[in-house]
């Protein structure tokens, strides 16, 4: 059982990493980061269940809190970029530093 959960977690993390590196839309990149965080959560829950230790589930709750904060800040930045550049491309975000 744990092998299947860890394998699924690895596949989901790889899909999220490839998506975050390849895509140019900021919203899609944020969704890929969320997919990677959920893959880590799946692995933590699987190991927590395997060893009978609730510490993994506590870490999952902390990762969920960090993911919620990341979404709130990320969407705020996306809205600011869209208002200034009328686009949500990653290249347009790099132009904001000038």
N, C-alpha and C. Protein backbone atom coordinates (compact mmCIF):
# COMPACT_ATOMS: atom_id res chain seq x y z
N UNK A 1 0.81 -1.19 0.00
CA UNK A 1 0.00 0.00 0.00
C UNK A 1 0.86 1.27 0.00
N UNK A 2 1.89 1.27 0.83
CA UNK A 2 2.72 2.47 0.92
C UNK A 2 3.51 2.69 -0.37
N UNK A 3 3.88 1.60 -1.03
CA UNK A 3 4.62 1.74 -2.28
C UNK A 3 3.77 2.44 -3.34
N UNK A 4 2.48 2.10 -3.39
CA UNK A 4 1.58 2.71 -4.36
C UNK A 4 1.38 4.19 -4.06
N UNK A 5 1.23 4.52 -2.78
CA UNK A 5 1.03 5.92 -2.40
C UNK A 5 2.27 6.76 -2.70
N UNK A 6 3.44 6.21 -2.42
CA UNK A 6 4.68 6.94 -2.68
C UNK A 6 4.92 7.07 -4.18
N UNK A 7 4.58 6.02 -4.94
CA UNK A 7 4.72 6.10 -6.39
C UNK A 7 3.78 7.15 -6.98
N UNK A 8 2.53 7.17 -6.52
CA UNK A 8 1.59 8.18 -6.98
C UNK A 8 2.05 9.57 -6.59
N UNK A 9 2.58 9.70 -5.39
CA UNK A 9 3.10 10.98 -4.92
C UNK A 9 4.26 11.44 -5.79
N UNK A 10 5.15 10.55 -6.14
CA UNK A 10 6.27 10.90 -7.01
C UNK A 10 5.83 11.32 -8.39
N UNK A 11 4.83 10.60 -8.93
CA UNK A 11 4.32 10.95 -10.26
C UNK A 11 3.66 12.32 -10.22
N UNK A 12 2.84 12.58 -9.21
CA UNK A 12 2.19 13.89 -9.09
C UNK A 12 3.20 15.01 -8.92
N UNK A 13 4.25 14.75 -8.12
CA UNK A 13 5.27 15.77 -7.93
C UNK A 13 6.02 16.05 -9.23
N UNK A 14 6.31 15.00 -9.98
CA UNK A 14 7.01 15.19 -11.26
C UNK A 14 6.15 15.97 -12.25
N UNK A 15 4.86 15.66 -12.31
CA UNK A 15 3.96 16.40 -13.20
C UNK A 15 3.92 17.86 -12.80
N UNK A 16 3.84 18.13 -11.49
CA UNK A 16 3.82 19.51 -11.02
C UNK A 16 5.12 20.24 -11.30
N UNK A 17 6.24 19.57 -11.14
CA UNK A 17 7.54 20.21 -11.39
C UNK A 17 7.72 20.52 -12.87
N UNK A 18 7.35 19.59 -13.73
CA UNK A 18 7.46 19.83 -15.17
C UNK A 18 6.52 20.96 -15.57
N UNK A 19 5.32 20.96 -15.04
CA UNK A 19 4.37 22.03 -15.36
C UNK A 19 4.85 23.39 -14.89
N UNK A 20 5.44 23.45 -13.71
CA UNK A 20 5.93 24.73 -13.19
C UNK A 20 7.12 25.24 -13.99
N UNK A 21 7.92 24.35 -14.54
CA UNK A 21 9.08 24.77 -15.32
C UNK A 21 8.75 25.10 -16.77
N UNK A 22 7.75 24.45 -17.33
CA UNK A 22 7.46 24.59 -18.75
C UNK A 22 6.44 25.68 -19.05
N UNK A 23 5.42 25.79 -18.23
CA UNK A 23 4.32 26.70 -18.54
C UNK A 23 4.73 28.16 -18.33
N UNK A 24 4.05 29.07 -19.04
CA UNK A 24 4.36 30.49 -18.96
C UNK A 24 3.26 31.29 -18.26
N UNK A 25 2.11 30.69 -18.05
CA UNK A 25 1.02 31.36 -17.38
C UNK A 25 1.22 31.27 -15.86
N UNK A 26 1.14 32.39 -15.19
CA UNK A 26 1.42 32.42 -13.75
C UNK A 26 0.39 31.61 -12.97
N UNK A 27 -0.86 31.65 -13.40
CA UNK A 27 -1.90 30.90 -12.69
C UNK A 27 -1.66 29.40 -12.81
N UNK A 28 -1.24 28.94 -13.98
CA UNK A 28 -0.95 27.52 -14.16
C UNK A 28 0.28 27.13 -13.34
N UNK A 29 1.26 28.00 -13.25
CA UNK A 29 2.45 27.72 -12.43
C UNK A 29 2.05 27.59 -10.96
N UNK A 30 1.16 28.46 -10.49
CA UNK A 30 0.69 28.36 -9.10
C UNK A 30 -0.07 27.05 -8.87
N UNK A 31 -0.86 26.63 -9.86
CA UNK A 31 -1.58 25.35 -9.72
C UNK A 31 -0.60 24.18 -9.70
N UNK A 32 0.47 24.27 -10.46
CA UNK A 32 1.47 23.20 -10.46
C UNK A 32 2.21 23.14 -9.12
N UNK A 33 2.46 24.28 -8.53
CA UNK A 33 3.07 24.30 -7.20
C UNK A 33 2.14 23.69 -6.17
N UNK A 34 0.85 23.97 -6.30
CA UNK A 34 -0.13 23.35 -5.41
C UNK A 34 -0.15 21.83 -5.60
N UNK A 35 -0.03 21.39 -6.84
CA UNK A 35 0.02 19.95 -7.11
C UNK A 35 1.23 19.31 -6.44
N UNK A 36 2.37 20.00 -6.48
CA UNK A 36 3.56 19.47 -5.82
C UNK A 36 3.38 19.41 -4.30
N UNK A 37 2.76 20.44 -3.73
CA UNK A 37 2.51 20.42 -2.29
C UNK A 37 1.55 19.30 -1.90
N UNK A 38 0.54 19.05 -2.72
CA UNK A 38 -0.39 17.96 -2.43
C UNK A 38 0.28 16.60 -2.59
N UNK A 39 1.24 16.48 -3.49
CA UNK A 39 2.00 15.23 -3.61
C UNK A 39 2.80 14.96 -2.34
N UNK A 40 3.39 16.02 -1.80
CA UNK A 40 4.12 15.87 -0.54
C UNK A 40 3.17 15.49 0.58
N UNK A 41 1.98 16.09 0.59
CA UNK A 41 0.99 15.75 1.61
C UNK A 41 0.59 14.28 1.53
N UNK A 42 0.42 13.78 0.31
CA UNK A 42 0.07 12.37 0.14
C UNK A 42 1.16 11.46 0.70
N UNK A 43 2.41 11.79 0.43
CA UNK A 43 3.52 10.98 0.95
C UNK A 43 3.58 11.06 2.48
N UNK A 44 3.38 12.25 3.03
CA UNK A 44 3.41 12.38 4.48
C UNK A 44 2.30 11.57 5.15
N UNK A 45 1.11 11.59 4.59
CA UNK A 45 0.01 10.81 5.16
C UNK A 45 0.28 9.31 5.03
N UNK A 46 0.84 8.89 3.91
CA UNK A 46 1.14 7.47 3.72
C UNK A 46 2.18 7.00 4.73
N UNK A 47 3.24 7.77 4.92
CA UNK A 47 4.26 7.38 5.90
C UNK A 47 3.73 7.46 7.32
N UNK A 48 2.88 8.44 7.58
CA UNK A 48 2.29 8.55 8.91
C UNK A 48 1.42 7.34 9.23
N UNK A 49 0.66 6.91 8.25
CA UNK A 49 -0.20 5.74 8.47
C UNK A 49 0.63 4.47 8.60
N UNK A 50 1.69 4.36 7.82
CA UNK A 50 2.53 3.17 7.86
C UNK A 50 3.19 3.01 9.22
N UNK A 51 3.71 4.11 9.77
CA UNK A 51 4.42 4.03 11.04
C UNK A 51 3.53 4.26 12.25
N UNK A 52 2.28 4.64 12.03
CA UNK A 52 1.37 4.84 13.15
C UNK A 52 1.70 6.07 13.98
N UNK A 53 2.35 7.04 13.37
CA UNK A 53 2.74 8.26 14.06
C UNK A 53 1.94 9.44 13.52
N UNK A 54 1.23 10.16 14.37
CA UNK A 54 0.40 11.28 13.89
C UNK A 54 1.20 12.53 13.52
N UNK A 55 2.51 12.51 13.68
CA UNK A 55 3.32 13.69 13.37
C UNK A 55 3.25 14.04 11.88
N UNK A 56 3.15 13.04 11.03
CA UNK A 56 3.04 13.30 9.60
C UNK A 56 1.77 14.06 9.26
N UNK A 57 0.69 13.75 9.96
CA UNK A 57 -0.57 14.44 9.71
C UNK A 57 -0.53 15.88 10.22
N UNK A 58 0.24 16.12 11.26
CA UNK A 58 0.43 17.49 11.74
C UNK A 58 1.22 18.30 10.70
N UNK A 59 2.22 17.68 10.12
CA UNK A 59 2.97 18.36 9.05
C UNK A 59 2.09 18.65 7.84
N UNK A 60 1.16 17.74 7.55
CA UNK A 60 0.23 17.96 6.44
C UNK A 60 -0.59 19.21 6.71
N UNK A 61 -1.06 19.39 7.92
CA UNK A 61 -1.82 20.59 8.25
C UNK A 61 -0.98 21.85 8.09
N UNK A 62 0.29 21.77 8.47
CA UNK A 62 1.17 22.94 8.28
C UNK A 62 1.40 23.22 6.80
N UNK A 63 1.55 22.19 5.99
CA UNK A 63 1.73 22.39 4.56
C UNK A 63 0.48 22.99 3.95
N UNK A 64 -0.70 22.59 4.41
CA UNK A 64 -1.94 23.16 3.91
C UNK A 64 -2.02 24.63 4.26
N UNK A 65 -1.60 25.01 5.46
CA UNK A 65 -1.60 26.43 5.85
C UNK A 65 -0.64 27.22 4.97
N UNK A 66 0.54 26.69 4.74
CA UNK A 66 1.51 27.37 3.88
C UNK A 66 0.97 27.49 2.45
N UNK A 67 0.30 26.45 1.97
CA UNK A 67 -0.26 26.49 0.62
C UNK A 67 -1.36 27.54 0.52
N UNK A 68 -2.18 27.67 1.56
CA UNK A 68 -3.23 28.69 1.54
C UNK A 68 -2.63 30.09 1.52
N UNK A 69 -1.58 30.30 2.30
CA UNK A 69 -0.91 31.61 2.30
C UNK A 69 -0.26 31.87 0.95
N UNK A 70 0.32 30.84 0.36
CA UNK A 70 0.96 31.00 -0.96
C UNK A 70 -0.06 31.37 -2.02
N UNK A 71 -1.24 30.78 -1.96
CA UNK A 71 -2.29 31.10 -2.92
C UNK A 71 -2.77 32.53 -2.73
N UNK A 72 -2.94 32.95 -1.50
CA UNK A 72 -3.42 34.31 -1.25
C UNK A 72 -2.42 35.35 -1.75
N UNK A 73 -1.16 35.17 -1.43
CA UNK A 73 -0.14 36.12 -1.87
C UNK A 73 0.07 36.01 -3.39
N UNK A 74 0.09 34.80 -3.90
CA UNK A 74 0.30 34.61 -5.34
C UNK A 74 -0.81 35.21 -6.17
N UNK A 75 -2.05 35.02 -5.76
CA UNK A 75 -3.15 35.61 -6.52
C UNK A 75 -3.16 37.12 -6.41
N UNK A 76 -2.74 37.67 -5.29
CA UNK A 76 -2.60 39.12 -5.18
C UNK A 76 -1.56 39.66 -6.15
N UNK A 77 -0.46 38.95 -6.27
CA UNK A 77 0.58 39.36 -7.21
C UNK A 77 0.09 39.22 -8.65
N UNK A 78 -0.65 38.15 -8.93
CA UNK A 78 -1.19 37.96 -10.28
C UNK A 78 -2.16 39.08 -10.64
N UNK A 79 -3.00 39.48 -9.71
CA UNK A 79 -3.93 40.58 -9.96
C UNK A 79 -3.18 41.88 -10.20
N UNK A 80 -2.12 42.13 -9.43
CA UNK A 80 -1.32 43.34 -9.64
C UNK A 80 -0.64 43.33 -11.00
N UNK A 81 -0.12 42.20 -11.41
CA UNK A 81 0.52 42.09 -12.73
C UNK A 81 -0.52 42.30 -13.82
N UNK A 82 -1.69 41.69 -13.65
CA UNK A 82 -2.72 41.83 -14.68
C UNK A 82 -3.21 43.27 -14.81
N UNK A 83 -3.30 43.97 -13.70
CA UNK A 83 -3.74 45.37 -13.75
C UNK A 83 -2.69 46.26 -14.42
N UNK A 84 -1.43 45.97 -14.23
CA UNK A 84 -0.37 46.79 -14.82
C UNK A 84 -0.08 46.41 -16.26
N UNK A 85 -0.05 45.14 -16.58
CA UNK A 85 0.40 44.67 -17.90
C UNK A 85 -0.72 44.08 -18.75
N UNK A 86 -1.89 43.81 -18.17
CA UNK A 86 -3.02 43.16 -18.83
C UNK A 86 -2.63 41.81 -19.43
N UNK A 87 -1.78 41.10 -18.71
CA UNK A 87 -1.35 39.77 -19.11
C UNK A 87 -0.89 39.03 -17.86
N UNK A 88 -0.98 37.70 -17.88
CA UNK A 88 -0.50 36.90 -16.75
C UNK A 88 0.65 36.01 -17.17
N UNK A 89 1.47 36.50 -18.08
CA UNK A 89 2.66 35.78 -18.53
C UNK A 89 3.80 35.95 -17.53
N UNK A 90 4.64 34.94 -17.41
CA UNK A 90 5.78 35.00 -16.50
C UNK A 90 6.77 36.07 -16.96
N UNK A 91 6.93 36.22 -18.28
CA UNK A 91 7.87 37.23 -18.79
C UNK A 91 7.44 38.64 -18.40
N UNK A 92 6.13 38.88 -18.35
CA UNK A 92 5.65 40.20 -17.96
C UNK A 92 5.93 40.48 -16.48
N UNK A 93 5.98 39.45 -15.67
CA UNK A 93 6.29 39.63 -14.25
C UNK A 93 7.74 40.05 -14.08
N UNK A 94 8.63 39.56 -14.94
CA UNK A 94 10.03 39.93 -14.81
C UNK A 94 10.27 41.38 -15.23
N UNK A 95 9.36 41.97 -15.98
CA UNK A 95 9.48 43.36 -16.40
C UNK A 95 9.12 44.35 -15.29
N UNK A 96 8.49 43.86 -14.22
CA UNK A 96 8.06 44.74 -13.14
C UNK A 96 9.22 45.26 -12.29
N UNK A 97 10.37 44.66 -12.36
CA UNK A 97 11.48 45.09 -11.52
C UNK A 97 12.16 46.34 -12.05
N UNK A 98 11.91 46.78 -13.29
CA UNK A 98 12.55 47.96 -13.84
C UNK A 98 11.81 49.20 -13.47
